[in-house]
Amino acid sequence: MKKLLMLIAVFGLAGCGEPDQVVVYKQGKYQGKPDTRPWDNEPLALTGSGKWTKGDRASWETQIKARQLTQHEDKRIYQ
């Protein structure tokens, strides 16, 4: 019984010994990748839902509006 209590105490203390994980940022430096405009990406070929022309913002916005309408519950139920 004494060995079991010692074992529990050892594992309990080991769980408390985790060091702090701190990220060091360089001032003025962006650490991630730069973002691109969403309409400059290729439409996904697998889903078949993307029907915009790469680089054309107007066709991308039209596709996004059509996608939002299909996600609206009232519109989906009565189609």
PDB file of N, CA and C in Angstrom:
ATOM      1  N   MET A   1       0.827  -1.190   0.000  1.00  0.00           N
ATOM      2  CA  MET A   1       0.000   0.000   0.000  1.00  0.00           C
ATOM      3  C   MET A   1       0.872   1.255   0.000  1.00  0.00           C
ATOM      4  N   LYS A   2       1.957   1.193   0.742  1.00  0.00           N
ATOM      5  CA  LYS A   2       2.859   2.330   0.820  1.00  0.00           C
ATOM      6  C   LYS A   2       3.522   2.584  -0.539  1.00  0.00           C
ATOM      7  N   LYS A   3       3.850   1.492  -1.257  1.00  0.00           N
ATOM      8  CA  LYS A   3       4.460   1.635  -2.583  1.00  0.00           C
ATOM      9  C   LYS A   3       3.475   2.266  -3.569  1.00  0.00           C
ATOM     10  N   LEU A   4       2.206   1.894  -3.444  1.00  0.00           N
ATOM     11  CA  LEU A   4       1.184   2.446  -4.328  1.00  0.00           C
ATOM     12  C   LEU A   4       1.027   3.952  -4.092  1.00  0.00           C
ATOM     13  N   LEU A   5       1.027   4.369  -2.839  1.00  0.00           N
ATOM     14  CA  LEU A   5       0.918   5.797  -2.533  1.00  0.00           C
ATOM     15  C   LEU A   5       2.135   6.566  -3.034  1.00  0.00           C
ATOM     16  N   MET A   6       3.301   5.964  -2.910  1.00  0.00           N
ATOM     17  CA  MET A   6       4.523   6.611  -3.408  1.00  0.00           C
ATOM     18  C   MET A   6       4.476   6.736  -4.934  1.00  0.00           C
ATOM     19  N   LEU A   7       3.973   5.691  -5.590  1.00  0.00           N
ATOM     20  CA  LEU A   7       3.876   5.708  -7.046  1.00  0.00           C
ATOM     21  C   LEU A   7       2.894   6.791  -7.512  1.00  0.00           C
ATOM     22  N   ILE A   8       1.774   6.916  -6.827  1.00  0.00           N
ATOM     23  CA  ILE A   8       0.795   7.957  -7.152  1.00  0.00           C
ATOM     24  C   ILE A   8       1.395   9.342  -6.921  1.00  0.00           C
ATOM     25  N   ALA A   9       2.142   9.506  -5.850  1.00  0.00           N
ATOM     26  CA  ALA A   9       2.774  10.793  -5.556  1.00  0.00           C
ATOM     27  C   ALA A   9       3.814  11.147  -6.619  1.00  0.00           C
ATOM     28  N   VAL A  10       4.584  10.159  -7.057  1.00  0.00           N
ATOM     29  CA  VAL A  10       5.609  10.414  -8.076  1.00  0.00           C
ATOM     30  C   VAL A  10       4.957  10.841  -9.388  1.00  0.00           C
ATOM     31  N   PHE A  11       3.911  10.121  -9.813  1.00  0.00           N
ATOM     32  CA  PHE A  11       3.236  10.489 -11.056  1.00  0.00           C
ATOM     33  C   PHE A  11       2.511  11.829 -10.927  1.00  0.00           C
ATOM     34  N   GLY A  12       1.972  12.112  -9.767  1.00  0.00           N
ATOM     35  CA  GLY A  12       1.306  13.392  -9.546  1.00  0.00           C
ATOM     36  C   GLY A  12       2.276  14.556  -9.632  1.00  0.00           C
ATOM     37  N   LEU A  13       3.456  14.402  -9.056  1.00  0.00           N
ATOM     38  CA  LEU A  13       4.457  15.464  -9.121  1.00  0.00           C
ATOM     39  C   LEU A  13       5.054  15.586 -10.520  1.00  0.00           C
ATOM     40  N   ALA A  14       5.162  14.482 -11.224  1.00  0.00           N
ATOM     41  CA  ALA A  14       5.697  14.536 -12.588  1.00  0.00           C
ATOM     42  C   ALA A  14       4.749  15.306 -13.507  1.00  0.00           C
ATOM     43  N   GLY A  15       3.454  15.208 -13.261  1.00  0.00           N
ATOM     44  CA  GLY A  15       2.482  15.944 -14.069  1.00  0.00           C
ATOM     45  C   GLY A  15       2.539  17.440 -13.830  1.00  0.00           C
ATOM     46  N   CYS A  16       3.021  17.857 -12.679  1.00  0.00           N
ATOM     47  CA  CYS A  16       3.107  19.283 -12.361  1.00  0.00           C
ATOM     48  C   CYS A  16       4.401  19.907 -12.861  1.00  0.00           C
ATOM     49  N   GLY A  17       5.312  19.107 -13.358  1.00  0.00           N
ATOM     50  CA  GLY A  17       6.616  19.616 -13.753  1.00  0.00           C
ATOM     51  C   GLY A  17       6.716  20.044 -15.197  1.00  0.00           C
ATOM     52  N   GLU A  18       5.614  20.342 -15.859  1.00  0.00           N
ATOM     53  CA  GLU A  18       5.674  20.743 -17.257  1.00  0.00           C
ATOM     54  C   GLU A  18       6.196  22.175 -17.366  1.00  0.00           C
ATOM     55  N   PRO A  19       7.195  22.402 -18.217  1.00  0.00           N
ATOM     56  CA  PRO A  19       7.716  23.767 -18.364  1.00  0.00           C
ATOM     57  C   PRO A  19       6.750  24.637 -19.173  1.00  0.00           C
ATOM     58  N   ASP A  20       6.820  25.934 -18.956  1.00  0.00           N
ATOM     59  CA  ASP A  20       5.981  26.869 -19.705  1.00  0.00           C
ATOM     60  C   ASP A  20       6.405  26.884 -21.170  1.00  0.00           C
ATOM     61  N   GLN A  21       5.419  26.940 -22.060  1.00  0.00           N
ATOM     62  CA  GLN A  21       5.687  27.004 -23.490  1.00  0.00           C
ATOM     63  C   GLN A  21       5.378  28.420 -23.957  1.00  0.00           C
ATOM     64  N   VAL A  22       6.421  29.172 -24.239  1.00  0.00           N
ATOM     65  CA  VAL A  22       6.277  30.570 -24.607  1.00  0.00           C
ATOM     66  C   VAL A  22       6.801  30.763 -26.026  1.00  0.00           C
ATOM     67  N   VAL A  23       6.027  31.453 -26.848  1.00  0.00           N
ATOM     68  CA  VAL A  23       6.444  31.754 -28.207  1.00  0.00           C
ATOM     69  C   VAL A  23       7.150  33.101 -28.197  1.00  0.00           C
ATOM     70  N   VAL A  24       8.312  33.152 -28.811  1.00  0.00           N
ATOM     71  CA  VAL A  24       9.067  34.395 -28.887  1.00  0.00           C
ATOM     72  C   VAL A  24       8.836  35.002 -30.268  1.00  0.00           C
ATOM     73  N   TYR A  25       8.244  36.192 -30.300  1.00  0.00           N
ATOM     74  CA  TYR A  25       7.978  36.880 -31.553  1.00  0.00           C
ATOM     75  C   TYR A  25       9.058  37.915 -31.805  1.00  0.00           C
ATOM     76  N   LYS A  26       9.452  38.041 -33.057  1.00  0.00           N
ATOM     77  CA  LYS A  26      10.382  39.098 -33.429  1.00  0.00           C
ATOM     78  C   LYS A  26       9.559  40.343 -33.733  1.00  0.00           C
ATOM     79  N   GLN A  27       9.932  41.447 -33.134  1.00  0.00           N
ATOM     80  CA  GLN A  27       9.175  42.675 -33.285  1.00  0.00           C
ATOM     81  C   GLN A  27       9.192  43.137 -34.738  1.00  0.00           C
ATOM     82  N   GLY A  28       8.010  43.379 -35.284  1.00  0.00           N
ATOM     83  CA  GLY A  28       7.908  43.887 -36.645  1.00  0.00           C
ATOM     84  C   GLY A  28       8.017  42.834 -37.722  1.00  0.00           C
ATOM     85  N   LYS A  29       8.156  41.594 -37.366  1.00  0.00           N
ATOM     86  CA  LYS A  29       8.281  40.520 -38.351  1.00  0.00           C
ATOM     87  C   LYS A  29       7.032  39.658 -38.305  1.00  0.00           C
ATOM     88  N   TYR A  30       6.416  39.443 -39.454  1.00  0.00           N
ATOM     89  CA  TYR A  30       5.248  38.568 -39.553  1.00  0.00           C
ATOM     90  C   TYR A  30       5.741  37.134 -39.596  1.00  0.00           C
ATOM     91  N   GLN A  31       5.213  36.288 -38.728  1.00  0.00           N
ATOM     92  CA  GLN A  31       5.712  34.928 -38.596  1.00  0.00           C
ATOM     93  C   GLN A  31       4.997  33.932 -39.507  1.00  0.00           C
ATOM     94  N   GLY A  32       3.864  34.298 -40.045  1.00  0.00           N
ATOM     95  CA  GLY A  32       3.104  33.367 -40.875  1.00  0.00           C
ATOM     96  C   GLY A  32       3.338  33.607 -42.355  1.00  0.00           C
ATOM     97  N   LYS A  33       2.591  32.893 -43.162  1.00  0.00           N
ATOM     98  CA  LYS A  33       2.718  33.089 -44.603  1.00  0.00           C
ATOM     99  C   LYS A  33       1.811  34.231 -45.036  1.00  0.00           C
ATOM    100  N   PRO A  34       2.162  34.943 -46.074  1.00  0.00           N
ATOM    101  CA  PRO A  34       1.314  36.047 -46.525  1.00  0.00           C
ATOM    102  C   PRO A  34       0.032  35.514 -47.156  1.00  0.00           C
ATOM    103  N   ASP A  35      -1.052  36.228 -46.931  1.00  0.00           N
ATOM    104  CA  ASP A  35      -2.343  35.828 -47.477  1.00  0.00           C
ATOM    105  C   ASP A  35      -2.457  36.276 -48.931  1.00  0.00           C
ATOM    106  N   THR A  36      -3.180  35.487 -49.696  1.00  0.00           N
ATOM    107  CA  THR A  36      -3.488  35.863 -51.067  1.00  0.00           C
ATOM    108  C   THR A  36      -4.972  36.175 -51.156  1.00  0.00           C
ATOM    109  N   ARG A  37      -5.377  36.779 -52.246  1.00  0.00           N
ATOM    110  CA  ARG A  37      -6.790  37.078 -52.431  1.00  0.00           C
ATOM    111  C   ARG A  37      -7.521  35.778 -52.746  1.00  0.00           C
ATOM    112  N   PRO A  38      -8.709  35.566 -52.191  1.00  0.00           N
ATOM    113  CA  PRO A  38      -9.403  34.294 -52.385  1.00  0.00           C
ATOM    114  C   PRO A  38      -9.784  34.025 -53.834  1.00  0.00           C
ATOM    115  N   TRP A  39     -10.023  35.050 -54.627  1.00  0.00           N
ATOM    116  CA  TRP A  39     -10.430  34.820 -56.015  1.00  0.00           C
ATOM    117  C   TRP A  39      -9.237  34.502 -56.909  1.00  0.00           C
ATOM    118  N   ASP A  40      -8.008  34.583 -56.378  1.00  0.00           N
ATOM    119  CA  ASP A  40      -6.823  34.197 -57.150  1.00  0.00           C
ATOM    120  C   ASP A  40      -6.521  32.709 -57.044  1.00  0.00           C
ATOM    121  N   ASN A  41      -7.280  31.985 -56.255  1.00  0.00           N
ATOM    122  CA  ASN A  41      -7.072  30.544 -56.117  1.00  0.00           C
ATOM    123  C   ASN A  41      -7.893  29.793 -57.148  1.00  0.00           C
ATOM    124  N   GLU A  42      -7.438  28.582 -57.450  1.00  0.00           N
ATOM    125  CA  GLU A  42      -8.186  27.711 -58.352  1.00  0.00           C
ATOM    126  C   GLU A  42      -9.417  27.173 -57.623  1.00  0.00           C
ATOM    127  N   PRO A  43     -10.552  27.040 -58.307  1.00  0.00           N
ATOM    128  CA  PRO A  43     -11.711  26.381 -57.685  1.00  0.00           C
ATOM    129  C   PRO A  43     -11.388  24.919 -57.406  1.00  0.00           C
ATOM    130  N   LEU A  44     -11.985  24.358 -56.358  1.00  0.00           N
ATOM    131  CA  LEU A  44     -11.744  22.958 -56.029  1.00  0.00           C
ATOM    132  C   LEU A  44     -12.383  22.072 -57.082  1.00  0.00           C
ATOM    133  N   ALA A  45     -11.597  21.181 -57.642  1.00  0.00           N
ATOM    134  CA  ALA A  45     -12.101  20.314 -58.708  1.00  0.00           C
ATOM    135  C   ALA A  45     -12.890  19.136 -58.150  1.00  0.00           C
ATOM    136  N   LEU A  46     -12.590  18.715 -56.926  1.00  0.00           N
ATOM    137  CA  LEU A  46     -13.217  17.517 -56.382  1.00  0.00           C
ATOM    138  C   LEU A  46     -14.674  17.732 -56.010  1.00  0.00           C
ATOM    139  N   THR A  47     -14.992  18.869 -55.438  1.00  0.00           N
ATOM    140  CA  THR A  47     -16.358  19.086 -54.967  1.00  0.00           C
ATOM    141  C   THR A  47     -17.292  19.518 -56.081  1.00  0.00           C
ATOM    142  N   GLY A  48     -16.769  20.169 -57.089  1.00  0.00           N
ATOM    143  CA  GLY A  48     -17.619  20.637 -58.171  1.00  0.00           C
ATOM    144  C   GLY A  48     -18.432  21.863 -57.821  1.00  0.00           C
ATOM    145  N   SER A  49     -18.247  22.404 -56.621  1.00  0.00           N
ATOM    146  CA  SER A  49     -19.048  23.557 -56.213  1.00  0.00           C
ATOM    147  C   SER A  49     -18.436  24.874 -56.672  1.00  0.00           C
ATOM    148  N   GLY A  50     -17.141  24.912 -56.890  1.00  0.00           N
ATOM    149  CA  GLY A  50     -16.490  26.149 -57.285  1.00  0.00           C
ATOM    150  C   GLY A  50     -16.577  26.364 -58.780  1.00  0.00           C
ATOM    151  N   LYS A  51     -17.283  27.394 -59.201  1.00  0.00           N
ATOM    152  CA  LYS A  51     -17.470  27.666 -60.623  1.00  0.00           C
ATOM    153  C   LYS A  51     -17.046  29.087 -60.960  1.00  0.00           C
ATOM    154  N   TRP A  52     -15.953  29.566 -60.388  1.00  0.00           N
ATOM    155  CA  TRP A  52     -15.516  30.909 -60.708  1.00  0.00           C
ATOM    156  C   TRP A  52     -14.255  30.854 -61.558  1.00  0.00           C
ATOM    157  N   THR A  53     -13.962  31.968 -62.189  1.00  0.00           N
ATOM    158  CA  THR A  53     -12.768  32.079 -63.007  1.00  0.00           C
ATOM    159  C   THR A  53     -11.639  32.596 -62.131  1.00  0.00           C
ATOM    160  N   LYS A  54     -10.491  31.954 -62.205  1.00  0.00           N
ATOM    161  CA  LYS A  54      -9.355  32.362 -61.376  1.00  0.00           C
ATOM    162  C   LYS A  54      -8.963  33.799 -61.718  1.00  0.00           C
ATOM    163  N   GLY A  55      -8.878  34.640 -60.689  1.00  0.00           N
ATOM    164  CA  GLY A  55      -8.488  36.031 -60.857  1.00  0.00           C
ATOM    165  C   GLY A  55      -9.650  36.985 -61.090  1.00  0.00           C
ATOM    166  N   ASP A  56     -10.864  36.489 -61.269  1.00  0.00           N
ATOM    167  CA  ASP A  56     -12.030  37.332 -61.527  1.00  0.00           C
ATOM    168  C   ASP A  56     -12.835  37.480 -60.237  1.00  0.00           C
ATOM    169  N   ARG A  57     -12.764  38.653 -59.647  1.00  0.00           N
ATOM    170  CA  ARG A  57     -13.429  38.878 -58.368  1.00  0.00           C
ATOM    171  C   ARG A  57     -14.950  38.804 -58.490  1.00  0.00           C
ATOM    172  N   ALA A  58     -15.502  39.324 -59.573  1.00  0.00           N
ATOM    173  CA  ALA A  58     -16.959  39.341 -59.738  1.00  0.00           C
ATOM    174  C   ALA A  58     -17.520  37.923 -59.821  1.00  0.00           C
ATOM    175  N   SER A  59     -16.858  37.037 -60.573  1.00  0.00           N
ATOM    176  CA  SER A  59     -17.361  35.662 -60.669  1.00  0.00           C
ATOM    177  C   SER A  59     -17.207  34.941 -59.336  1.00  0.00           C
ATOM    178  N   TRP A  60     -16.151  35.255 -58.579  1.00  0.00           N
ATOM    179  CA  TRP A  60     -15.957  34.647 -57.261  1.00  0.00           C
ATOM    180  C   TRP A  60     -17.070  35.092 -56.310  1.00  0.00           C
ATOM    181  N   GLU A  61     -17.400  36.398 -56.326  1.00  0.00           N
ATOM    182  CA  GLU A  61     -18.464  36.901 -55.454  1.00  0.00           C
ATOM    183  C   GLU A  61     -19.814  36.301 -55.824  1.00  0.00           C
ATOM    184  N   THR A  62     -20.073  36.113 -57.116  1.00  0.00           N
ATOM    185  CA  THR A  62     -21.317  35.476 -57.551  1.00  0.00           C
ATOM    186  C   THR A  62     -21.396  34.053 -57.026  1.00  0.00           C
ATOM    187  N   GLN A  63     -20.291  33.332 -57.090  1.00  0.00           N
ATOM    188  CA  GLN A  63     -20.257  31.957 -56.596  1.00  0.00           C
ATOM    189  C   GLN A  63     -20.467  31.906 -55.086  1.00  0.00           C
ATOM    190  N   ILE A  64     -19.870  32.839 -54.351  1.00  0.00           N
ATOM    191  CA  ILE A  64     -20.035  32.876 -52.895  1.00  0.00           C
ATOM    192  C   ILE A  64     -21.494  33.164 -52.535  1.00  0.00           C
ATOM    193  N   LYS A  65     -22.130  34.077 -53.250  1.00  0.00           N
ATOM    194  CA  LYS A  65     -23.542  34.378 -52.980  1.00  0.00           C
ATOM    195  C   LYS A  65     -24.422  33.168 -53.262  1.00  0.00           C
ATOM    196  N   ALA A  66     -24.136  32.453 -54.350  1.00  0.00           N
ATOM    197  CA  ALA A  66     -24.903  31.245 -54.666  1.00  0.00           C
ATOM    198  C   ALA A  66     -24.687  30.180 -53.597  1.00  0.00           C
ATOM    199  N   ARG A  67     -23.474  30.079 -53.101  1.00  0.00           N
ATOM    200  CA  ARG A  67     -23.173  29.107 -52.045  1.00  0.00           C
ATOM    201  C   ARG A  67     -23.916  29.460 -50.758  1.00  0.00           C
ATOM    202  N   GLN A  68     -23.960  30.734 -50.425  1.00  0.00           N
ATOM    203  CA  GLN A  68     -24.663  31.154 -49.221  1.00  0.00           C
ATOM    204  C   GLN A  68     -26.154  30.872 -49.318  1.00  0.00           C
ATOM    205  N   LEU A  69     -26.727  31.015 -50.503  1.00  0.00           N
ATOM    206  CA  LEU A  69     -28.153  30.734 -50.669  1.00  0.00           C
ATOM    207  C   LEU A  69     -28.452  29.252 -50.484  1.00  0.00           C
ATOM    208  N   THR A  70     -27.535  28.373 -50.888  1.00  0.00           N
ATOM    209  CA  THR A  70     -27.774  26.938 -50.705  1.00  0.00           C
ATOM    210  C   THR A  70     -27.593  26.531 -49.251  1.00  0.00           C
ATOM    211  N   GLN A  71     -26.931  27.353 -48.459  1.00  0.00           N
ATOM    212  CA  GLN A  71     -26.753  27.036 -47.045  1.00  0.00           C
ATOM    213  C   GLN A  71     -27.867  27.619 -46.182  1.00  0.00           C
ATOM    214  N   HIS A  72     -28.728  28.430 -46.747  1.00  0.00           N
ATOM    215  CA  HIS A  72     -29.840  29.035 -46.019  1.00  0.00           C
ATOM    216  C   HIS A  72     -30.937  27.984 -45.877  1.00  0.00           C
ATOM    217  N   GLU A  73     -31.342  27.676 -44.674  1.00  0.00           N
ATOM    218  CA  GLU A  73     -32.292  26.585 -44.422  1.00  0.00           C
ATOM    219  C   GLU A  73     -33.644  26.807 -45.090  1.00  0.00           C
ATOM    220  N   ASP A  74     -34.174  28.023 -45.038  1.00  0.00           N
ATOM    221  CA  ASP A  74     -35.481  28.272 -45.644  1.00  0.00           C
ATOM    222  C   ASP A  74     -35.436  28.066 -47.155  1.00  0.00           C
ATOM    223  N   LYS A  75     -34.352  28.474 -47.776  1.00  0.00           N
ATOM    224  CA  LYS A  75     -34.224  28.299 -49.223  1.00  0.00           C
ATOM    225  C   LYS A  75     -34.053  26.821 -49.574  1.00  0.00           C
ATOM    226  N   ARG A  76     -33.305  26.082 -48.763  1.00  0.00           N
ATOM    227  CA  ARG A  76     -33.043  24.669 -49.056  1.00  0.00           C
ATOM    228  C   ARG A  76     -34.294  23.819 -48.905  1.00  0.00           C
ATOM    229  N   ILE A  77     -35.121  24.106 -47.935  1.00  0.00           N
ATOM    230  CA  ILE A  77     -36.294  23.275 -47.655  1.00  0.00           C
ATOM    231  C   ILE A  77     -37.304  23.364 -48.791  1.00  0.00           C
ATOM    232  N   TYR A  78     -37.499  24.558 -49.343  1.00  0.00           N
ATOM    233  CA  TYR A  78     -38.565  24.765 -50.318  1.00  0.00           C
ATOM    234  C   TYR A  78     -38.077  24.699 -51.760  1.00  0.00           C
ATOM    235  N   GLN A  79     -36.919  24.129 -52.016  1.00  0.00           N
ATOM    236  CA  GLN A  79     -36.438  24.005 -53.397  1.00  0.00           C
ATOM    237  C   GLN A  79     -37.027  22.802 -54.067  1.00  0.00           C
TER     238      GLN A  79
END
